[in-house]
Amino acid sequence: MRSTREKWEVVERVKRLGVIETDALALRRIALTLHNWHEKECGTDHGCIERDETTGKAYWRNSTTMQRSPVRDMETGALTRLQGIMTRYRRRMVPYVQTDPRGASLYLVPRKTLQWYRLPIDQIYSQGVAVY
């Protein structure tokens, strides 16, 4: 569990990009939700989350019985909320969702950084602000 001090340090870094505090807190919650989801996609001793390719629905695959059961799709809701918040800041920055659960799941990359490097965002997202 992250400390309160660490939480506010992340919020302050996001605010320095020009994001209001309520949006910064919401972005942090979105990042935590996505991180949790990505960890479960990678799997645990008990199973993993997988998405049906034809329907797009999320399922929990039990690792002992190999049976699938529907699971609440937290990823789609988080991505929708992210898109809604980022429409207010689209001129300033671009969000990047990193699905590897070993690090932060959300990065906010200033457009100036993208213009400076002139590389695809998936190659320079770490130059942005990690939200965790």
C-alpha atoms as a PDB file:
ATOM      1  CA  MET A   1       0.000   0.000   0.000  1.00  0.00           C
ATOM      2  CA  ARG A   2       1.297   3.419  -0.909  1.00  0.00           C
ATOM      3  CA  SER A   3       1.900   6.006   1.779  1.00  0.00           C
ATOM      4  CA  THR A   4      -0.149   9.175   2.062  1.00  0.00           C
ATOM      5  CA  ARG A   5       3.000  11.226   1.433  1.00  0.00           C
ATOM      6  CA  GLU A   6       3.711   9.323  -1.776  1.00  0.00           C
ATOM      7  CA  LYS A   7       0.107   9.783  -2.926  1.00  0.00           C
ATOM      8  CA  TRP A   8       0.313  13.549  -2.540  1.00  0.00           C
ATOM      9  CA  GLU A   9       3.733  13.690  -4.212  1.00  0.00           C
ATOM     10  CA  VAL A  10       2.222  12.053  -7.298  1.00  0.00           C
ATOM     11  CA  VAL A  11      -0.779  14.386  -7.199  1.00  0.00           C
ATOM     12  CA  GLU A  12       1.538  17.423  -6.951  1.00  0.00           C
ATOM     13  CA  ARG A  13       3.602  16.243  -9.953  1.00  0.00           C
ATOM     14  CA  VAL A  14       0.421  15.877 -11.999  1.00  0.00           C
ATOM     15  CA  LYS A  15      -0.812  19.296 -10.856  1.00  0.00           C
ATOM     16  CA  ARG A  16       2.466  20.853 -12.059  1.00  0.00           C
ATOM     17  CA  LEU A  17       1.426  19.753 -15.552  1.00  0.00           C
ATOM     18  CA  GLY A  18      -1.605  22.035 -15.231  1.00  0.00           C
ATOM     19  CA  VAL A  19      -4.153  19.459 -14.060  1.00  0.00           C
ATOM     20  CA  ILE A  20      -6.598  20.540 -11.354  1.00  0.00           C
ATOM     21  CA  GLU A  21      -6.463  18.636  -8.073  1.00  0.00           C
ATOM     22  CA  THR A  22      -9.776  16.786  -8.442  1.00  0.00           C
ATOM     23  CA  ASP A  23      -8.696  15.512 -11.872  1.00  0.00           C
ATOM     24  CA  ALA A  24      -5.240  14.604 -10.544  1.00  0.00           C
ATOM     25  CA  LEU A  25      -6.833  12.500  -7.802  1.00  0.00           C
ATOM     26  CA  ALA A  26      -9.183  10.871 -10.316  1.00  0.00           C
ATOM     27  CA  LEU A  27      -6.241  10.090 -12.626  1.00  0.00           C
ATOM     28  CA  ARG A  28      -4.436   8.447  -9.718  1.00  0.00           C
ATOM     29  CA  ARG A  29      -7.474   6.271  -8.937  1.00  0.00           C
ATOM     30  CA  ILE A  30      -7.701   5.324 -12.625  1.00  0.00           C
ATOM     31  CA  ALA A  31      -3.998   4.414 -12.645  1.00  0.00           C
ATOM     32  CA  LEU A  32      -4.429   2.194  -9.573  1.00  0.00           C
ATOM     33  CA  THR A  33      -7.447   0.473 -11.117  1.00  0.00           C
ATOM     34  CA  LEU A  34      -5.565  -0.189 -14.351  1.00  0.00           C
ATOM     35  CA  HIS A  35      -2.524  -1.477 -12.461  1.00  0.00           C
ATOM     36  CA  ASN A  36      -4.685  -3.908 -10.493  1.00  0.00           C
ATOM     37  CA  TRP A  37      -6.369  -5.057 -13.709  1.00  0.00           C
ATOM     38  CA  HIS A  38      -3.055  -5.598 -15.505  1.00  0.00           C
ATOM     39  CA  GLU A  39      -1.725  -7.641 -12.578  1.00  0.00           C
ATOM     40  CA  LYS A  40      -4.767  -9.899 -12.774  1.00  0.00           C
ATOM     41  CA  GLU A  41      -4.374 -10.237 -16.548  1.00  0.00           C
ATOM     42  CA  CYS A  42      -0.887 -11.586 -15.933  1.00  0.00           C
ATOM     43  CA  GLY A  43      -2.368 -14.006 -13.455  1.00  0.00           C
ATOM     44  CA  THR A  44      -2.076 -15.254  -9.910  1.00  0.00           C
ATOM     45  CA  ASP A  45      -1.867 -18.732  -8.404  1.00  0.00           C
ATOM     46  CA  HIS A  46      -5.670 -18.824  -8.583  1.00  0.00           C
ATOM     47  CA  GLY A  47      -6.181 -17.746 -12.187  1.00  0.00           C
ATOM     48  CA  CYS A  48      -6.216 -14.766 -14.483  1.00  0.00           C
ATOM     49  CA  ILE A  49      -8.454 -12.327 -16.287  1.00  0.00           C
ATOM     50  CA  GLU A  50      -8.936 -12.881 -19.985  1.00  0.00           C
ATOM     51  CA  ARG A  51     -11.061 -11.121 -22.550  1.00  0.00           C
ATOM     52  CA  ASP A  52     -13.213 -12.969 -25.091  1.00  0.00           C
ATOM     53  CA  GLU A  53     -11.925 -11.884 -28.495  1.00  0.00           C
ATOM     54  CA  THR A  54     -15.315 -11.993 -30.206  1.00  0.00           C
ATOM     55  CA  THR A  55     -17.535 -10.403 -27.553  1.00  0.00           C
ATOM     56  CA  GLY A  56     -14.965  -8.302 -25.695  1.00  0.00           C
ATOM     57  CA  LYS A  57     -16.336  -9.484 -22.335  1.00  0.00           C
ATOM     58  CA  ALA A  58     -13.965 -10.089 -19.427  1.00  0.00           C
ATOM     59  CA  TYR A  59     -13.759 -13.443 -17.645  1.00  0.00           C
ATOM     60  CA  TRP A  60     -11.855 -14.916 -14.731  1.00  0.00           C
ATOM     61  CA  ARG A  61     -10.120 -18.167 -15.729  1.00  0.00           C
ATOM     62  CA  ASN A  62      -9.710 -20.411 -12.676  1.00  0.00           C
ATOM     63  CA  SER A  63      -6.261 -22.019 -12.799  1.00  0.00           C
ATOM     64  CA  THR A  64      -7.314 -25.292 -11.138  1.00  0.00           C
ATOM     65  CA  THR A  65     -10.627 -25.976 -12.892  1.00  0.00           C
ATOM     66  CA  MET A  66      -9.891 -23.947 -16.066  1.00  0.00           C
ATOM     67  CA  GLN A  67     -13.498 -22.744 -15.962  1.00  0.00           C
ATOM     68  CA  ARG A  68     -14.390 -19.205 -16.966  1.00  0.00           C
ATOM     69  CA  SER A  69     -16.754 -16.986 -15.046  1.00  0.00           C
ATOM     70  CA  PRO A  70     -17.813 -13.422 -15.916  1.00  0.00           C
ATOM     71  CA  VAL A  71     -15.988 -10.673 -14.075  1.00  0.00           C
ATOM     72  CA  ARG A  72     -16.766  -6.971 -13.780  1.00  0.00           C
ATOM     73  CA  ASP A  73     -14.865  -5.096 -16.490  1.00  0.00           C
ATOM     74  CA  MET A  74     -12.957  -2.460 -14.517  1.00  0.00           C
ATOM     75  CA  GLU A  75     -10.567  -1.719 -17.380  1.00  0.00           C
ATOM     76  CA  THR A  76     -13.137  -0.355 -19.833  1.00  0.00           C
ATOM     77  CA  GLY A  77     -14.661   1.935 -17.215  1.00  0.00           C
ATOM     78  CA  ALA A  78     -11.252   3.257 -16.167  1.00  0.00           C
ATOM     79  CA  LEU A  79     -10.243   3.915 -19.781  1.00  0.00           C
ATOM     80  CA  THR A  80     -13.539   5.718 -20.420  1.00  0.00           C
ATOM     81  CA  ARG A  81     -13.020   7.935 -17.354  1.00  0.00           C
ATOM     82  CA  LEU A  82      -9.430   8.578 -18.458  1.00  0.00           C
ATOM     83  CA  GLN A  83     -10.588   9.658 -21.900  1.00  0.00           C
ATOM     84  CA  GLY A  84     -13.197  11.968 -20.373  1.00  0.00           C
ATOM     85  CA  ILE A  85     -10.683  13.691 -18.111  1.00  0.00           C
ATOM     86  CA  MET A  86      -7.995  13.963 -20.768  1.00  0.00           C
ATOM     87  CA  THR A  87     -10.293  15.797 -23.191  1.00  0.00           C
ATOM     88  CA  ARG A  88      -9.793  18.858 -20.950  1.00  0.00           C
ATOM     89  CA  TYR A  89      -6.014  18.612 -21.257  1.00  0.00           C
ATOM     90  CA  ARG A  90      -5.592  17.302 -24.806  1.00  0.00           C
ATOM     91  CA  ARG A  91      -3.690  20.398 -25.953  1.00  0.00           C
ATOM     92  CA  ARG A  92      -1.167  20.041 -23.142  1.00  0.00           C
ATOM     93  CA  MET A  93      -0.519  16.315 -22.774  1.00  0.00           C
ATOM     94  CA  VAL A  94      -1.217  12.802 -24.005  1.00  0.00           C
ATOM     95  CA  PRO A  95      -1.959   9.817 -21.736  1.00  0.00           C
ATOM     96  CA  TYR A  96      -0.149   6.534 -22.250  1.00  0.00           C
ATOM     97  CA  VAL A  97      -1.356   3.305 -20.647  1.00  0.00           C
ATOM     98  CA  GLN A  98       1.442   0.822 -19.947  1.00  0.00           C
ATOM     99  CA  THR A  99       0.031  -2.693 -19.472  1.00  0.00           C
ATOM    100  CA  ASP A 100       3.137  -4.198 -17.871  1.00  0.00           C
ATOM    101  CA  PRO A 101       2.248  -4.443 -14.151  1.00  0.00           C
ATOM    102  CA  ARG A 102       5.880  -4.137 -13.037  1.00  0.00           C
ATOM    103  CA  GLY A 103       5.699  -0.346 -13.219  1.00  0.00           C
ATOM    104  CA  ALA A 104       3.266   2.525 -13.383  1.00  0.00           C
ATOM    105  CA  SER A 105       0.210   1.895 -15.529  1.00  0.00           C
ATOM    106  CA  LEU A 106      -0.404   5.493 -16.582  1.00  0.00           C
ATOM    107  CA  TYR A 107       1.963   8.146 -17.888  1.00  0.00           C
ATOM    108  CA  LEU A 108       1.105  11.711 -18.842  1.00  0.00           C
ATOM    109  CA  VAL A 109       3.393  12.877 -21.621  1.00  0.00           C
ATOM    110  CA  PRO A 110       3.541  16.609 -22.373  1.00  0.00           C
ATOM    111  CA  ARG A 111       3.034  17.428 -26.045  1.00  0.00           C
ATOM    112  CA  LYS A 112       6.276  19.442 -25.947  1.00  0.00           C
ATOM    113  CA  THR A 113       8.122  16.220 -25.093  1.00  0.00           C
ATOM    114  CA  LEU A 114       6.556  14.459 -28.063  1.00  0.00           C
ATOM    115  CA  GLN A 115       7.553  17.327 -30.347  1.00  0.00           C
ATOM    116  CA  TRP A 116      11.085  17.422 -28.946  1.00  0.00           C
ATOM    117  CA  TYR A 117      11.868  13.716 -29.405  1.00  0.00           C
ATOM    118  CA  ARG A 118       9.822  13.208 -32.579  1.00  0.00           C
ATOM    119  CA  LEU A 119       9.390   9.527 -31.700  1.00  0.00           C
ATOM    120  CA  PRO A 120       6.277   7.397 -31.177  1.00  0.00           C
ATOM    121  CA  ILE A 121       4.825   7.739 -27.694  1.00  0.00           C
ATOM    122  CA  ASP A 122       5.445   4.063 -26.910  1.00  0.00           C
ATOM    123  CA  GLN A 123       9.185   4.772 -27.173  1.00  0.00           C
ATOM    124  CA  ILE A 124       9.279   7.879 -24.948  1.00  0.00           C
ATOM    125  CA  TYR A 125       6.356   7.568 -22.519  1.00  0.00           C
ATOM    126  CA  SER A 126       8.795   7.229 -19.617  1.00  0.00           C
ATOM    127  CA  GLN A 127       9.828  10.852 -20.225  1.00  0.00           C
ATOM    128  CA  GLY A 128       6.375  11.839 -18.982  1.00  0.00           C
ATOM    129  CA  VAL A 129       4.965  11.836 -15.454  1.00  0.00           C
ATOM    130  CA  ALA A 130       4.215   8.410 -14.000  1.00  0.00           C
ATOM    131  CA  VAL A 131       0.871   8.262 -12.202  1.00  0.00           C
ATOM    132  CA  TYR A 132       0.699   5.565  -9.529  1.00  0.00           C
END
